Amino acid sequence: MKLKTALNVLIGLIIPFVGVIGGIVIFRNSEQFVLGFPILYFWMFLWFVLTTVCISLSWHFFDRHEIEVD
């Protein structure tokens, strides 16, 4: 696997996966609240946005040049 492909997969797939699963493991028994939400729900909502950022960064750095503009 080329380094470029490995970094693309790392940024776009592995980081969000570890973030979501790690949060579930860490916060599953927590009773804390953030902005009125249980911290686990807040963590999941946060990763909706962060996953979008990760995929956008992955596209920007690795795949953007492959799109042809007419």
N, C-alpha and C. Protein backbone atom coordinates (compact mmCIF):
# COMPACT_ATOMS: atom_id res chain seq x y z
N MET A 1 0.85 -1.17 0.00
CA MET A 1 0.00 0.00 0.00
C MET A 1 0.90 1.24 0.00
N LYS A 2 0.61 2.16 -0.87
CA LYS A 2 1.41 3.38 -0.94
C LYS A 2 1.13 4.25 0.28
N LEU A 3 2.13 5.05 0.63
CA LEU A 3 2.01 5.93 1.79
C LEU A 3 0.84 6.89 1.64
N LYS A 4 0.63 7.40 0.43
CA LYS A 4 -0.47 8.33 0.18
C LYS A 4 -1.82 7.67 0.47
N THR A 5 -1.99 6.45 0.01
CA THR A 5 -3.24 5.72 0.25
C THR A 5 -3.41 5.41 1.73
N ALA A 6 -2.32 5.04 2.39
CA ALA A 6 -2.39 4.73 3.82
C ALA A 6 -2.80 5.97 4.62
N LEU A 7 -2.23 7.12 4.31
CA LEU A 7 -2.60 8.35 5.02
C LEU A 7 -4.04 8.74 4.72
N ASN A 8 -4.47 8.54 3.49
CA ASN A 8 -5.85 8.83 3.11
C ASN A 8 -6.82 7.99 3.94
N VAL A 9 -6.54 6.71 4.07
CA VAL A 9 -7.39 5.81 4.86
C VAL A 9 -7.32 6.18 6.34
N LEU A 10 -6.13 6.52 6.81
CA LEU A 10 -5.97 6.89 8.22
C LEU A 10 -6.80 8.11 8.57
N ILE A 11 -6.68 9.16 7.76
CA ILE A 11 -7.39 10.41 8.06
C ILE A 11 -8.89 10.27 7.83
N GLY A 12 -9.29 9.62 6.75
CA GLY A 12 -10.70 9.57 6.39
C GLY A 12 -11.51 8.47 7.04
N LEU A 13 -10.85 7.43 7.55
CA LEU A 13 -11.59 6.29 8.06
C LEU A 13 -11.19 5.89 9.48
N ILE A 14 -9.92 5.72 9.71
CA ILE A 14 -9.47 5.16 10.99
C ILE A 14 -9.62 6.15 12.14
N ILE A 15 -9.24 7.41 11.92
CA ILE A 15 -9.37 8.41 12.98
C ILE A 15 -10.82 8.58 13.43
N PRO A 16 -11.78 8.75 12.48
CA PRO A 16 -13.18 8.84 12.94
C PRO A 16 -13.68 7.56 13.64
N PHE A 17 -13.28 6.41 13.15
CA PHE A 17 -13.70 5.14 13.76
C PHE A 17 -13.19 5.05 15.20
N VAL A 18 -11.92 5.33 15.39
CA VAL A 18 -11.33 5.26 16.73
C VAL A 18 -11.96 6.32 17.64
N GLY A 19 -12.24 7.51 17.09
CA GLY A 19 -12.88 8.55 17.90
C GLY A 19 -14.25 8.15 18.39
N VAL A 20 -15.06 7.58 17.52
CA VAL A 20 -16.42 7.18 17.91
C VAL A 20 -16.38 6.00 18.87
N ILE A 21 -15.67 4.95 18.50
CA ILE A 21 -15.62 3.76 19.36
C ILE A 21 -14.93 4.07 20.69
N GLY A 22 -13.86 4.86 20.65
CA GLY A 22 -13.17 5.23 21.88
C GLY A 22 -14.07 5.99 22.82
N GLY A 23 -14.88 6.90 22.27
CA GLY A 23 -15.82 7.65 23.10
C GLY A 23 -16.86 6.76 23.74
N ILE A 24 -17.34 5.79 22.99
CA ILE A 24 -18.33 4.86 23.55
C ILE A 24 -17.73 4.10 24.72
N VAL A 25 -16.51 3.63 24.54
CA VAL A 25 -15.85 2.86 25.61
C VAL A 25 -15.58 3.75 26.82
N ILE A 26 -15.11 4.96 26.59
CA ILE A 26 -14.73 5.84 27.70
C ILE A 26 -15.94 6.39 28.44
N PHE A 27 -16.98 6.80 27.71
CA PHE A 27 -18.10 7.52 28.32
C PHE A 27 -19.35 6.66 28.55
N ARG A 28 -19.29 5.37 28.40
CA ARG A 28 -20.50 4.55 28.49
C ARG A 28 -21.16 4.57 29.86
N ASN A 29 -20.42 4.76 30.91
CA ASN A 29 -21.00 4.76 32.25
C ASN A 29 -21.00 6.15 32.89
N SER A 30 -20.69 7.15 32.11
CA SER A 30 -20.60 8.51 32.65
C SER A 30 -21.99 9.13 32.80
N GLU A 31 -22.15 9.92 33.84
CA GLU A 31 -23.42 10.62 34.06
C GLU A 31 -23.23 12.13 33.95
N GLN A 32 -22.15 12.57 33.32
CA GLN A 32 -21.90 13.99 33.14
C GLN A 32 -22.69 14.53 31.96
N PHE A 33 -22.93 15.84 31.98
CA PHE A 33 -23.68 16.50 30.91
C PHE A 33 -22.84 17.63 30.32
N VAL A 34 -23.00 17.82 29.01
CA VAL A 34 -22.36 18.92 28.29
C VAL A 34 -23.45 19.60 27.48
N LEU A 35 -23.67 20.87 27.74
CA LEU A 35 -24.72 21.65 27.06
C LEU A 35 -26.10 20.99 27.16
N GLY A 36 -26.35 20.33 28.27
CA GLY A 36 -27.64 19.70 28.50
C GLY A 36 -27.78 18.30 27.96
N PHE A 37 -26.78 17.80 27.26
CA PHE A 37 -26.81 16.44 26.72
C PHE A 37 -25.91 15.54 27.55
N PRO A 38 -26.26 14.26 27.68
CA PRO A 38 -25.30 13.33 28.27
C PRO A 38 -24.01 13.36 27.45
N ILE A 39 -22.89 13.21 28.11
CA ILE A 39 -21.60 13.39 27.44
C ILE A 39 -21.41 12.41 26.27
N LEU A 40 -21.97 11.21 26.35
CA LEU A 40 -21.85 10.27 25.25
C LEU A 40 -22.58 10.77 24.01
N TYR A 41 -23.77 11.31 24.18
CA TYR A 41 -24.50 11.88 23.03
C TYR A 41 -23.75 13.07 22.45
N PHE A 42 -23.24 13.93 23.33
CA PHE A 42 -22.47 15.07 22.87
C PHE A 42 -21.25 14.61 22.07
N TRP A 43 -20.57 13.58 22.56
CA TRP A 43 -19.40 13.02 21.88
C TRP A 43 -19.77 12.51 20.48
N MET A 44 -20.90 11.82 20.39
CA MET A 44 -21.34 11.29 19.09
C MET A 44 -21.69 12.44 18.13
N PHE A 45 -22.41 13.45 18.61
CA PHE A 45 -22.73 14.61 17.77
C PHE A 45 -21.46 15.34 17.33
N LEU A 46 -20.51 15.46 18.23
CA LEU A 46 -19.24 16.10 17.91
C LEU A 46 -18.52 15.34 16.79
N TRP A 47 -18.56 14.01 16.84
CA TRP A 47 -17.88 13.23 15.82
C TRP A 47 -18.61 13.23 14.49
N PHE A 48 -19.89 13.57 14.44
CA PHE A 48 -20.54 13.80 13.14
C PHE A 48 -19.80 14.91 12.40
N VAL A 49 -19.53 15.99 13.12
CA VAL A 49 -18.84 17.13 12.51
C VAL A 49 -17.37 16.80 12.25
N LEU A 50 -16.70 16.18 13.22
CA LEU A 50 -15.29 15.87 13.05
C LEU A 50 -15.05 14.85 11.94
N THR A 51 -15.96 13.91 11.74
CA THR A 51 -15.83 12.97 10.64
C THR A 51 -15.93 13.68 9.31
N THR A 52 -16.83 14.63 9.20
CA THR A 52 -16.93 15.43 7.98
C THR A 52 -15.64 16.20 7.74
N VAL A 53 -15.06 16.76 8.79
CA VAL A 53 -13.80 17.48 8.66
C VAL A 53 -12.68 16.52 8.22
N CYS A 54 -12.62 15.34 8.80
CA CYS A 54 -11.59 14.37 8.43
C CYS A 54 -11.72 13.94 6.97
N ILE A 55 -12.92 13.67 6.53
CA ILE A 55 -13.12 13.27 5.14
C ILE A 55 -12.79 14.42 4.20
N SER A 56 -13.16 15.64 4.57
CA SER A 56 -12.83 16.81 3.75
C SER A 56 -11.32 17.02 3.65
N LEU A 57 -10.62 16.89 4.76
CA LEU A 57 -9.17 17.01 4.74
C LEU A 57 -8.53 15.92 3.89
N SER A 58 -9.03 14.71 4.02
CA SER A 58 -8.52 13.61 3.22
C SER A 58 -8.69 13.88 1.74
N TRP A 59 -9.85 14.37 1.35
CA TRP A 59 -10.10 14.69 -0.05
C TRP A 59 -9.21 15.85 -0.50
N HIS A 60 -9.12 16.89 0.34
CA HIS A 60 -8.35 18.07 -0.02
C HIS A 60 -6.87 17.74 -0.25
N PHE A 61 -6.29 16.93 0.61
CA PHE A 61 -4.86 16.65 0.51
C PHE A 61 -4.51 15.52 -0.46
N PHE A 62 -5.42 14.59 -0.72
CA PHE A 62 -5.03 13.41 -1.49
C PHE A 62 -5.81 13.20 -2.78
N ASP A 63 -7.06 13.61 -2.86
CA ASP A 63 -7.87 13.25 -4.02
C ASP A 63 -8.33 14.45 -4.86
N ARG A 64 -8.11 15.64 -4.41
CA ARG A 64 -8.61 16.83 -5.08
C ARG A 64 -8.07 16.95 -6.50
N HIS A 65 -6.81 16.63 -6.70
CA HIS A 65 -6.20 16.80 -8.01
C HIS A 65 -6.69 15.79 -9.04
N GLU A 66 -7.38 14.74 -8.62
CA GLU A 66 -7.87 13.72 -9.56
C GLU A 66 -9.18 14.11 -10.23
N ILE A 67 -9.82 15.17 -9.76
CA ILE A 67 -11.08 15.65 -10.35
C ILE A 67 -10.74 16.59 -11.50
N GLU A 68 -11.29 16.30 -12.66
CA GLU A 68 -11.06 17.16 -13.81
C GLU A 68 -12.13 18.24 -13.86
N VAL A 69 -11.71 19.48 -14.06
CA VAL A 69 -12.63 20.60 -14.16
C VAL A 69 -12.82 20.92 -15.64
N ASP A 70 -14.09 21.00 -16.08
CA ASP A 70 -14.34 21.29 -17.50
C ASP A 70 -14.16 22.74 -17.81
